[in-house]
Amino acid sequence: MSKEGLKHFIYRRIIPRTGLAAVRLLSATFRVRLMTPENEQTALKKGRGLIYASWHQRFFPGITFFPPKSPLP
């Protein structure tokens, strides 16, 4: 493997996966609380859009919590 190939492999495969694993591990220590979970379910059933909010200090839990909540087509 060439030097460029190794660099590409590290930057494209190793670093992102290691970073995501670290974020998921850190996020597992946080508690997530929906203020009104019944409103969330009602809006989802009606096909309405939702906006989730998080404090900027709580960025990492959002990475693992919000993507599965997004009903994208």
PDB file of N, CA and C in Angstrom:
ATOM      1  N   MET A   1       0.854  -1.178   0.000  1.00  0.00           N
ATOM      2  CA  MET A   1       0.000   0.000   0.000  1.00  0.00           C
ATOM      3  C   MET A   1       0.895   1.234   0.000  1.00  0.00           C
ATOM      4  N   SER A   2       0.566   2.172  -0.863  1.00  0.00           N
ATOM      5  CA  SER A   2       1.367   3.388  -0.946  1.00  0.00           C
ATOM      6  C   SER A   2       1.083   4.304   0.245  1.00  0.00           C
ATOM      7  N   LYS A   3       1.945   5.304   0.386  1.00  0.00           N
ATOM      8  CA  LYS A   3       1.781   6.260   1.472  1.00  0.00           C
ATOM      9  C   LYS A   3       0.450   7.005   1.343  1.00  0.00           C
ATOM     10  N   GLU A   4       0.096   7.394   0.115  1.00  0.00           N
ATOM     11  CA  GLU A   4      -1.182   8.082  -0.119  1.00  0.00           C
ATOM     12  C   GLU A   4      -2.361   7.160   0.165  1.00  0.00           C
ATOM     13  N   GLY A   5      -2.238   5.905  -0.224  1.00  0.00           N
ATOM     14  CA  GLY A   5      -3.302   4.930   0.029  1.00  0.00           C
ATOM     15  C   GLY A   5      -3.521   4.707   1.517  1.00  0.00           C
ATOM     16  N   LEU A   6      -2.421   4.622   2.255  1.00  0.00           N
ATOM     17  CA  LEU A   6      -2.514   4.452   3.703  1.00  0.00           C
ATOM     18  C   LEU A   6      -3.142   5.679   4.347  1.00  0.00           C
ATOM     19  N   LYS A   7      -2.712   6.857   3.904  1.00  0.00           N
ATOM     20  CA  LYS A   7      -3.264   8.115   4.436  1.00  0.00           C
ATOM     21  C   LYS A   7      -4.771   8.182   4.160  1.00  0.00           C
ATOM     22  N   HIS A   8      -5.160   7.841   2.948  1.00  0.00           N
ATOM     23  CA  HIS A   8      -6.569   7.843   2.576  1.00  0.00           C
ATOM     24  C   HIS A   8      -7.353   6.864   3.457  1.00  0.00           C
ATOM     25  N   PHE A   9      -6.815   5.672   3.660  1.00  0.00           N
ATOM     26  CA  PHE A   9      -7.463   4.658   4.487  1.00  0.00           C
ATOM     27  C   PHE A   9      -7.650   5.149   5.916  1.00  0.00           C
ATOM     28  N   ILE A  10      -6.620   5.753   6.474  1.00  0.00           N
ATOM     29  CA  ILE A  10      -6.701   6.246   7.855  1.00  0.00           C
ATOM     30  C   ILE A  10      -7.721   7.363   7.975  1.00  0.00           C
ATOM     31  N   TYR A  11      -7.667   8.349   7.059  1.00  0.00           N
ATOM     32  CA  TYR A  11      -8.572   9.499   7.139  1.00  0.00           C
ATOM     33  C   TYR A  11     -10.012   9.156   6.779  1.00  0.00           C
ATOM     34  N   ARG A  12     -10.211   8.188   5.902  1.00  0.00           N
ATOM     35  CA  ARG A  12     -11.568   7.861   5.445  1.00  0.00           C
ATOM     36  C   ARG A  12     -12.211   6.696   6.187  1.00  0.00           C
ATOM     37  N   ARG A  13     -11.419   5.837   6.794  1.00  0.00           N
ATOM     38  CA  ARG A  13     -11.967   4.641   7.444  1.00  0.00           C
ATOM     39  C   ARG A  13     -11.733   4.612   8.950  1.00  0.00           C
ATOM     40  N   ILE A  14     -10.507   4.802   9.362  1.00  0.00           N
ATOM     41  CA  ILE A  14     -10.155   4.616  10.771  1.00  0.00           C
ATOM     42  C   ILE A  14     -10.649   5.782  11.640  1.00  0.00           C
ATOM     43  N   ILE A  15     -10.287   7.003  11.294  1.00  0.00           N
ATOM     44  CA  ILE A  15     -10.628   8.164  12.125  1.00  0.00           C
ATOM     45  C   ILE A  15     -12.141   8.351  12.265  1.00  0.00           C
ATOM     46  N   PRO A  16     -12.929   8.340  11.175  1.00  0.00           N
ATOM     47  CA  PRO A  16     -14.376   8.519  11.355  1.00  0.00           C
ATOM     48  C   PRO A  16     -15.023   7.430  12.212  1.00  0.00           C
ATOM     49  N   ARG A  17     -14.634   6.195  12.005  1.00  0.00           N
ATOM     50  CA  ARG A  17     -15.233   5.108  12.784  1.00  0.00           C
ATOM     51  C   ARG A  17     -14.826   5.158  14.244  1.00  0.00           C
ATOM     52  N   THR A  18     -13.585   5.506  14.493  1.00  0.00           N
ATOM     53  CA  THR A  18     -13.123   5.644  15.871  1.00  0.00           C
ATOM     54  C   THR A  18     -13.845   6.806  16.547  1.00  0.00           C
ATOM     55  N   GLY A  19     -13.980   7.911  15.823  1.00  0.00           N
ATOM     56  CA  GLY A  19     -14.682   9.075  16.371  1.00  0.00           C
ATOM     57  C   GLY A  19     -16.136   8.772  16.674  1.00  0.00           C
ATOM     58  N   LEU A  20     -16.818   8.100  15.765  1.00  0.00           N
ATOM     59  CA  LEU A  20     -18.217   7.754  15.990  1.00  0.00           C
ATOM     60  C   LEU A  20     -18.367   6.804  17.170  1.00  0.00           C
ATOM     61  N   ALA A  21     -17.464   5.851  17.282  1.00  0.00           N
ATOM     62  CA  ALA A  21     -17.502   4.930  18.429  1.00  0.00           C
ATOM     63  C   ALA A  21     -17.319   5.691  19.737  1.00  0.00           C
ATOM     64  N   ALA A  22     -16.403   6.654  19.751  1.00  0.00           N
ATOM     65  CA  ALA A  22     -16.175   7.452  20.958  1.00  0.00           C
ATOM     66  C   ALA A  22     -17.403   8.287  21.295  1.00  0.00           C
ATOM     67  N   VAL A  23     -18.037   8.877  20.294  1.00  0.00           N
ATOM     68  CA  VAL A  23     -19.244   9.682  20.516  1.00  0.00           C
ATOM     69  C   VAL A  23     -20.370   8.805  21.045  1.00  0.00           C
ATOM     70  N   ARG A  24     -20.547   7.624  20.474  1.00  0.00           N
ATOM     71  CA  ARG A  24     -21.600   6.718  20.946  1.00  0.00           C
ATOM     72  C   ARG A  24     -21.343   6.259  22.375  1.00  0.00           C
ATOM     73  N   LEU A  25     -20.089   5.991  22.687  1.00  0.00           N
ATOM     74  CA  LEU A  25     -19.736   5.594  24.045  1.00  0.00           C
ATOM     75  C   LEU A  25     -20.027   6.727  25.025  1.00  0.00           C
ATOM     76  N   LEU A  26     -19.639   7.929  24.673  1.00  0.00           N
ATOM     77  CA  LEU A  26     -19.909   9.090  25.521  1.00  0.00           C
ATOM     78  C   LEU A  26     -21.409   9.332  25.642  1.00  0.00           C
ATOM     79  N   SER A  27     -22.126   9.216  24.535  1.00  0.00           N
ATOM     80  CA  SER A  27     -23.568   9.457  24.540  1.00  0.00           C
ATOM     81  C   SER A  27     -24.324   8.446  25.393  1.00  0.00           C
ATOM     82  N   ALA A  28     -23.780   7.272  25.527  1.00  0.00           N
ATOM     83  CA  ALA A  28     -24.441   6.255  26.348  1.00  0.00           C
ATOM     84  C   ALA A  28     -24.499   6.661  27.814  1.00  0.00           C
ATOM     85  N   THR A  29     -23.678   7.615  28.220  1.00  0.00           N
ATOM     86  CA  THR A  29     -23.674   8.040  29.615  1.00  0.00           C
ATOM     87  C   THR A  29     -24.669   9.170  29.875  1.00  0.00           C
ATOM     88  N   PHE A  30     -25.281   9.715  28.834  1.00  0.00           N
ATOM     89  CA  PHE A  30     -26.233  10.810  28.991  1.00  0.00           C
ATOM     90  C   PHE A  30     -27.645  10.271  29.130  1.00  0.00           C
ATOM     91  N   ARG A  31     -28.482  11.050  29.801  1.00  0.00           N
ATOM     92  CA  ARG A  31     -29.908  10.745  29.874  1.00  0.00           C
ATOM     93  C   ARG A  31     -30.638  11.691  28.937  1.00  0.00           C
ATOM     94  N   VAL A  32     -31.566  11.162  28.162  1.00  0.00           N
ATOM     95  CA  VAL A  32     -32.369  11.974  27.259  1.00  0.00           C
ATOM     96  C   VAL A  32     -33.781  12.001  27.819  1.00  0.00           C
ATOM     97  N   ARG A  33     -34.346  13.206  27.873  1.00  0.00           N
ATOM     98  CA  ARG A  33     -35.706  13.346  28.390  1.00  0.00           C
ATOM     99  C   ARG A  33     -36.527  14.157  27.400  1.00  0.00           C
ATOM    100  N   LEU A  34     -37.571  13.560  26.902  1.00  0.00           N
ATOM    101  CA  LEU A  34     -38.493  14.287  26.056  1.00  0.00           C
ATOM    102  C   LEU A  34     -39.463  15.019  26.970  1.00  0.00           C
ATOM    103  N   MET A  35     -39.623  16.297  26.728  1.00  0.00           N
ATOM    104  CA  MET A  35     -40.489  17.094  27.594  1.00  0.00           C
ATOM    105  C   MET A  35     -41.955  16.681  27.443  1.00  0.00           C
ATOM    106  N   THR A  36     -42.362  16.381  26.226  1.00  0.00           N
ATOM    107  CA  THR A  36     -43.746  15.957  25.987  1.00  0.00           C
ATOM    108  C   THR A  36     -43.758  14.825  24.960  1.00  0.00           C
ATOM    109  N   PRO A  37     -43.442  13.606  25.398  1.00  0.00           N
ATOM    110  CA  PRO A  37     -43.380  12.498  24.445  1.00  0.00           C
ATOM    111  C   PRO A  37     -44.715  12.217  23.760  1.00  0.00           C
ATOM    112  N   GLU A  38     -45.818  12.495  24.441  1.00  0.00           N
ATOM    113  CA  GLU A  38     -47.117  12.260  23.808  1.00  0.00           C
ATOM    114  C   GLU A  38     -47.349  13.210  22.641  1.00  0.00           C
ATOM    115  N   ASN A  39     -46.858  14.447  22.736  1.00  0.00           N
ATOM    116  CA  ASN A  39     -46.965  15.389  21.618  1.00  0.00           C
ATOM    117  C   ASN A  39     -46.117  14.934  20.439  1.00  0.00           C
ATOM    118  N   GLU A  40     -44.963  14.361  20.723  1.00  0.00           N
ATOM    119  CA  GLU A  40     -44.096  13.847  19.665  1.00  0.00           C
ATOM    120  C   GLU A  40     -44.821  12.746  18.889  1.00  0.00           C
ATOM    121  N   GLN A  41     -45.405  11.806  19.597  1.00  0.00           N
ATOM    122  CA  GLN A  41     -46.093  10.695  18.946  1.00  0.00           C
ATOM    123  C   GLN A  41     -47.306  11.173  18.153  1.00  0.00           C
ATOM    124  N   THR A  42     -48.040  12.134  18.697  1.00  0.00           N
ATOM    125  CA  THR A  42     -49.203  12.678  17.995  1.00  0.00           C
ATOM    126  C   THR A  42     -48.777  13.340  16.694  1.00  0.00           C
ATOM    127  N   ALA A  43     -47.727  14.133  16.742  1.00  0.00           N
ATOM    128  CA  ALA A  43     -47.243  14.812  15.534  1.00  0.00           C
ATOM    129  C   ALA A  43     -46.749  13.812  14.498  1.00  0.00           C
ATOM    130  N   LEU A  44     -46.048  12.776  14.927  1.00  0.00           N
ATOM    131  CA  LEU A  44     -45.553  11.763  13.993  1.00  0.00           C
ATOM    132  C   LEU A  44     -46.708  11.000  13.340  1.00  0.00           C
ATOM    133  N   LYS A  45     -47.734  10.684  14.126  1.00  0.00           N
ATOM    134  CA  LYS A  45     -48.882   9.966  13.575  1.00  0.00           C
ATOM    135  C   LYS A  45     -49.637  10.809  12.552  1.00  0.00           C
ATOM    136  N   LYS A  46     -49.661  12.135  12.760  1.00  0.00           N
ATOM    137  CA  LYS A  46     -50.349  13.032  11.833  1.00  0.00           C
ATOM    138  C   LYS A  46     -49.480  13.409  10.642  1.00  0.00           C
ATOM    139  N   GLY A  47     -48.243  12.942  10.625  1.00  0.00           N
ATOM    140  CA  GLY A  47     -47.341  13.235   9.512  1.00  0.00           C
ATOM    141  C   GLY A  47     -46.778  14.648   9.558  1.00  0.00           C
ATOM    142  N   ARG A  48     -46.808  15.262  10.686  1.00  0.00           N
ATOM    143  CA  ARG A  48     -46.274  16.621  10.834  1.00  0.00           C
ATOM    144  C   ARG A  48     -44.771  16.581  11.054  1.00  0.00           C
ATOM    145  N   GLY A  49     -44.126  17.679  10.739  1.00  0.00           N
ATOM    146  CA  GLY A  49     -42.696  17.796  10.984  1.00  0.00           C
ATOM    147  C   GLY A  49     -42.416  18.113  12.444  1.00  0.00           C
ATOM    148  N   LEU A  50     -41.253  17.748  12.872  1.00  0.00           N
ATOM    149  CA  LEU A  50     -40.830  18.005  14.251  1.00  0.00           C
ATOM    150  C   LEU A  50     -39.515  18.748  14.250  1.00  0.00           C
ATOM    151  N   ILE A  51     -39.321  19.527  15.276  1.00  0.00           N
ATOM    152  CA  ILE A  51     -38.037  20.183  15.496  1.00  0.00           C
ATOM    153  C   ILE A  51     -37.564  19.776  16.876  1.00  0.00           C
ATOM    154  N   TYR A  52     -36.427  19.114  16.924  1.00  0.00           N
ATOM    155  CA  TYR A  52     -35.833  18.733  18.193  1.00  0.00           C
ATOM    156  C   TYR A  52     -34.801  19.776  18.572  1.00  0.00           C
ATOM    157  N   ALA A  53     -34.706  20.037  19.851  1.00  0.00           N
ATOM    158  CA  ALA A  53     -33.744  21.027  20.330  1.00  0.00           C
ATOM    159  C   ALA A  53     -32.869  20.408  21.415  1.00  0.00           C
ATOM    160  N   SER A  54     -31.666  20.925  21.502  1.00  0.00           N
ATOM    161  CA  SER A  54     -30.721  20.449  22.499  1.00  0.00           C
ATOM    162  C   SER A  54     -29.800  21.605  22.859  1.00  0.00           C
ATOM    163  N   TRP A  55     -29.370  21.647  24.092  1.00  0.00           N
ATOM    164  CA  TRP A  55     -28.400  22.659  24.479  1.00  0.00           C
ATOM    165  C   TRP A  55     -27.099  22.403  23.738  1.00  0.00           C
ATOM    166  N   HIS A  56     -26.387  23.462  23.426  1.00  0.00           N
ATOM    167  CA  HIS A  56     -25.167  23.294  22.643  1.00  0.00           C
ATOM    168  C   HIS A  56     -24.111  22.470  23.373  1.00  0.00           C
ATOM    169  N   GLN A  57     -24.165  22.421  24.689  1.00  0.00           N
ATOM    170  CA  GLN A  57     -23.214  21.585  25.413  1.00  0.00           C
ATOM    171  C   GLN A  57     -23.563  20.105  25.282  1.00  0.00           C
ATOM    172  N   ARG A  58     -24.763  19.815  24.809  1.00  0.00           N
ATOM    173  CA  ARG A  58     -25.233  18.438  24.693  1.00  0.00           C
ATOM    174  C   ARG A  58     -25.238  17.983  23.233  1.00  0.00           C
ATOM    175  N   PHE A  59     -24.252  18.397  22.483  1.00  0.00           N
ATOM    176  CA  PHE A  59     -24.188  18.113  21.061  1.00  0.00           C
ATOM    177  C   PHE A  59     -24.044  16.617  20.776  1.00  0.00           C
ATOM    178  N   PHE A  60     -23.165  15.942  21.487  1.00  0.00           N
ATOM    179  CA  PHE A  60     -22.879  14.545  21.197  1.00  0.00           C
ATOM    180  C   PHE A  60     -24.083  13.616  21.372  1.00  0.00           C
ATOM    181  N   PRO A  61     -24.881  13.746  22.408  1.00  0.00           N
ATOM    182  CA  PRO A  61     -26.049  12.858  22.481  1.00  0.00           C
ATOM    183  C   PRO A  61     -26.992  13.043  21.297  1.00  0.00           C
ATOM    184  N   GLY A  62     -27.042  14.233  20.766  1.00  0.00           N
ATOM    185  CA  GLY A  62     -27.898  14.484  19.615  1.00  0.00           C
ATOM    186  C   GLY A  62     -27.504  13.685  18.399  1.00  0.00           C
ATOM    187  N   ILE A  63     -26.236  13.420  18.259  1.00  0.00           N
ATOM    188  CA  ILE A  63     -25.761  12.648  17.113  1.00  0.00           C
ATOM    189  C   ILE A  63     -26.357  11.245  17.126  1.00  0.00           C
ATOM    190  N   THR A  64     -26.504  10.664  18.295  1.00  0.00           N
ATOM    191  CA  THR A  64     -27.024   9.310  18.365  1.00  0.00           C
ATOM    192  C   THR A  64     -28.532   9.270  18.616  1.00  0.00           C
ATOM    193  N   PHE A  65     -29.114  10.323  19.177  1.00  0.00           N
ATOM    194  CA  PHE A  65     -30.546  10.325  19.480  1.00  0.00           C
ATOM    195  C   PHE A  65     -31.396  10.789  18.304  1.00  0.00           C
ATOM    196  N   PHE A  66     -31.027  11.878  17.676  1.00  0.00           N
ATOM    197  CA  PHE A  66     -31.896  12.490  16.682  1.00  0.00           C
ATOM    198  C   PHE A  66     -31.981  11.772  15.338  1.00  0.00           C
ATOM    199  N   PRO A  67     -30.920  11.197  14.782  1.00  0.00           N
ATOM    200  CA  PRO A  67     -31.077  10.563  13.464  1.00  0.00           C
ATOM    201  C   PRO A  67     -32.173   9.507  13.363  1.00  0.00           C
ATOM    202  N   PRO A  68     -32.307   8.591  14.330  1.00  0.00           N
ATOM    203  CA  PRO A  68     -33.392   7.619  14.194  1.00  0.00           C
ATOM    204  C   PRO A  68     -34.776   8.240  14.348  1.00  0.00           C
ATOM    205  N   LYS A  69     -34.854   9.424  14.951  1.00  0.00           N
ATOM    206  CA  LYS A  69     -36.127  10.097  15.151  1.00  0.00           C
ATOM    207  C   LYS A  69     -36.593  10.831  13.905  1.00  0.00           C
ATOM    208  N   SER A  70     -35.732  11.037  12.940  1.00  0.00           N
ATOM    209  CA  SER A  70     -36.061  11.809  11.743  1.00  0.00           C
ATOM    210  C   SER A  70     -36.740  10.923  10.703  1.00  0.00           C
ATOM    211  N   PRO A  71     -38.029  11.130  10.478  1.00  0.00           N
ATOM    212  CA  PRO A  71     -38.714  10.321   9.463  1.00  0.00           C
ATOM    213  C   PRO A  71     -38.476  10.864   8.063  1.00  0.00           C
ATOM    214  N   LEU A  72     -37.293  10.616   7.530  1.00  0.00           N
ATOM    215  CA  LEU A  72     -36.961  11.096   6.190  1.00  0.00           C
ATOM    216  C   LEU A  72     -37.507  10.135   5.145  1.00  0.00           C
ATOM    217  N   PRO A  73     -37.909  10.680   3.999  1.00  0.00           N
ATOM    218  CA  PRO A  73     -38.439   9.797   2.937  1.00  0.00           C
ATOM    219  C   PRO A  73     -37.375   8.923   2.327  1.00  0.00           C
TER     220      PRO A  73
END
